[in-house]
Amino acid sequence: MQIVQQTRHAMRLGLLVPGDKLPTAREVVATTAVNPNTVLKAYRELEHEGLVDSRAGVGAFVRRTLGRLEASVESPLGTELRGWMQRAKQTELERVDIEALVKAVIDEVFDHGHDAGLDASTTER
C-alpha cells in the first residue's frame, strides 16, 4: 500500500513523469527490506490502474502522470509554499506543528468552505 501511495504521490508532484523507469523489485527490496512479492503486487496494482507499464525483463515504466503543472514544487504556488514553510520553521515550529497547522487550514478551506458554498446556494434559491 505504501509503495502504491508513494508512487502516486511522486507522480502527482511531477517527480515521476511518463517514461521514467521505476526501481526494480530487487532494488526496492535492497533499500527497504520489503518482501519482493509485496513490491511486485504494488507494481501490478499500479499497472492495473493504468499508471505503469511493466515489460518482462526490462522493468516498470511510468505510463502517465497524476500531476498538474500548478501542483509542481517548481510552480509559483510551490515557491510560495516553500517560503511559507521556511518562515514557519524559523519561528521554531516543529515539523509536526507545521503539518498540523497545514492540515487544519486544508480541512477548514475544503470542508467548511464547501459547506458554506452549499449554504449560500441553498439560500439563494
Protein backbone atom coordinates (compact mmCIF):
# COMPACT_ATOMS: atom_id res chain seq x y z
CA MET A 1 0.00 0.00 0.00
CA GLN A 2 2.81 2.42 0.90
CA ILE A 3 4.64 1.74 -2.36
CA VAL A 4 1.50 2.48 -4.36
CA GLN A 5 0.77 5.66 -2.36
CA GLN A 6 4.34 6.91 -2.57
CA THR A 7 4.44 6.28 -6.32
CA ARG A 8 1.16 8.14 -6.84
CA HIS A 9 2.48 10.97 -4.66
CA ALA A 10 5.66 11.23 -6.74
CA MET A 11 3.56 11.26 -9.92
CA ARG A 12 1.28 13.96 -8.52
CA LEU A 13 4.28 16.15 -7.66
CA GLY A 14 5.89 15.61 -11.05
CA LEU A 15 8.82 13.72 -9.55
CA LEU A 16 7.89 10.76 -11.75
CA VAL A 17 6.87 11.51 -15.31
CA PRO A 18 5.85 9.33 -18.26
CA GLY A 19 8.78 7.23 -19.44
CA ASP A 20 10.56 7.16 -16.09
CA LYS A 21 11.67 3.68 -15.02
CA LEU A 22 10.68 2.54 -11.56
CA PRO A 23 13.30 0.76 -9.46
CA THR A 24 13.34 -2.99 -9.92
CA ALA A 25 11.77 -5.15 -7.21
CA ARG A 26 15.29 -6.25 -6.29
CA GLU A 27 16.42 -2.63 -5.85
CA VAL A 28 13.39 -1.82 -3.68
CA VAL A 29 13.99 -4.91 -1.54
CA ALA A 30 17.67 -4.00 -1.09
CA THR A 31 16.90 -0.48 0.11
CA THR A 32 13.75 -1.12 2.14
CA ALA A 33 13.77 -4.77 3.25
CA VAL A 34 10.25 -5.16 1.85
CA ASN A 35 9.23 -8.61 0.63
CA PRO A 36 9.74 -8.95 -3.16
CA ASN A 37 6.18 -10.24 -3.57
CA THR A 38 4.89 -7.08 -1.91
CA VAL A 39 6.79 -4.92 -4.39
CA LEU A 40 5.54 -6.94 -7.34
CA LYS A 41 1.97 -6.76 -6.02
CA ALA A 42 2.27 -2.95 -5.72
CA TYR A 43 3.59 -2.70 -9.28
CA ARG A 44 0.71 -4.87 -10.51
CA GLU A 45 -1.74 -2.53 -8.74
CA LEU A 46 -0.15 0.49 -10.43
CA GLU A 47 -0.34 -1.31 -13.76
CA HIS A 48 -3.99 -2.22 -13.15
CA GLU A 49 -4.69 1.49 -12.53
CA GLY A 50 -3.07 2.34 -15.86
CA LEU A 51 -0.26 4.31 -14.25
CA VAL A 52 2.60 1.93 -15.06
CA ASP A 53 3.55 -0.40 -17.91
CA SER A 54 5.51 -3.49 -16.94
CA ARG A 55 7.78 -5.03 -19.53
CA ALA A 56 9.09 -8.52 -18.79
CA GLY A 57 12.84 -8.49 -18.29
CA VAL A 58 13.02 -4.72 -18.76
CA GLY A 59 11.16 -3.19 -15.82
CA ALA A 60 8.21 -0.99 -14.96
CA PHE A 61 7.79 2.40 -16.58
CA VAL A 62 5.55 5.34 -15.73
CA ARG A 63 2.76 5.46 -18.27
CA ARG A 64 1.06 8.71 -17.31
CA THR A 65 1.23 11.38 -14.69
CA LEU A 66 -1.17 12.42 -11.98
CA GLY A 67 0.46 15.80 -11.62
CA ARG A 68 -0.71 19.17 -12.72
CA LEU A 69 1.74 21.94 -13.52
CA GLU A 70 0.17 24.11 -10.80
CA ALA A 71 0.98 21.44 -8.19
CA SER A 72 4.65 21.04 -9.01
CA VAL A 73 7.29 22.04 -6.48
CA GLU A 74 8.73 24.48 -9.03
CA SER A 75 5.40 26.24 -9.71
CA PRO A 76 4.68 29.70 -8.31
CA LEU A 77 2.46 28.11 -5.66
CA GLY A 78 5.24 25.67 -4.74
CA THR A 79 7.68 28.55 -4.41
CA GLU A 80 5.26 30.48 -2.18
CA LEU A 81 4.64 27.41 -0.06
CA ARG A 82 8.37 26.79 0.32
CA GLY A 83 8.84 30.37 1.52
CA TRP A 84 5.98 29.99 3.98
CA MET A 85 7.44 26.72 5.28
CA GLN A 86 10.84 28.34 5.77
CA ARG A 87 9.23 31.21 7.72
CA ALA A 88 7.27 28.72 9.84
CA LYS A 89 10.46 26.77 10.55
CA GLN A 90 12.25 29.99 11.55
CA THR A 91 9.59 30.57 14.21
CA GLU A 92 10.88 27.32 15.72
CA LEU A 93 7.73 25.35 14.99
CA GLU A 94 8.49 21.67 14.73
CA ARG A 95 7.58 19.62 11.69
CA VAL A 96 4.57 18.04 13.44
CA ASP A 97 3.29 21.51 14.40
CA ILE A 98 3.57 22.74 10.82
CA GLU A 99 1.88 19.59 9.49
CA ALA A 100 -0.96 20.02 11.99
CA LEU A 101 -1.39 23.68 11.02
CA VAL A 102 -1.41 22.90 7.30
CA LYS A 103 -3.90 20.07 7.80
CA ALA A 104 -6.17 22.31 9.88
CA VAL A 105 -6.16 25.00 7.19
CA ILE A 106 -6.79 22.43 4.44
CA ASP A 107 -9.70 21.00 6.42
CA GLU A 108 -11.10 24.49 7.03
CA VAL A 109 -10.83 25.57 3.40
CA PHE A 110 -12.05 22.36 1.79
CA ASP A 111 -14.58 21.15 4.35
CA HIS A 112 -16.05 24.30 5.82
CA GLY A 113 -15.61 26.25 2.59
CA HIS A 114 -17.55 23.53 0.77
CA ASP A 115 -20.34 23.60 3.38
CA ALA A 116 -20.52 27.39 3.21
CA GLY A 117 -20.85 27.18 -0.57
CA LEU A 118 -23.77 24.79 -0.21
CA ASP A 119 -25.46 27.05 2.33
CA ALA A 120 -25.09 30.07 0.05
CA SER A 121 -26.56 28.27 -2.95
CA THR A 122 -29.40 26.93 -0.86
CA THR A 123 -30.35 30.37 0.48
CA GLU A 124 -30.27 31.90 -3.00
CA ARG A 125 -32.99 29.58 -4.23
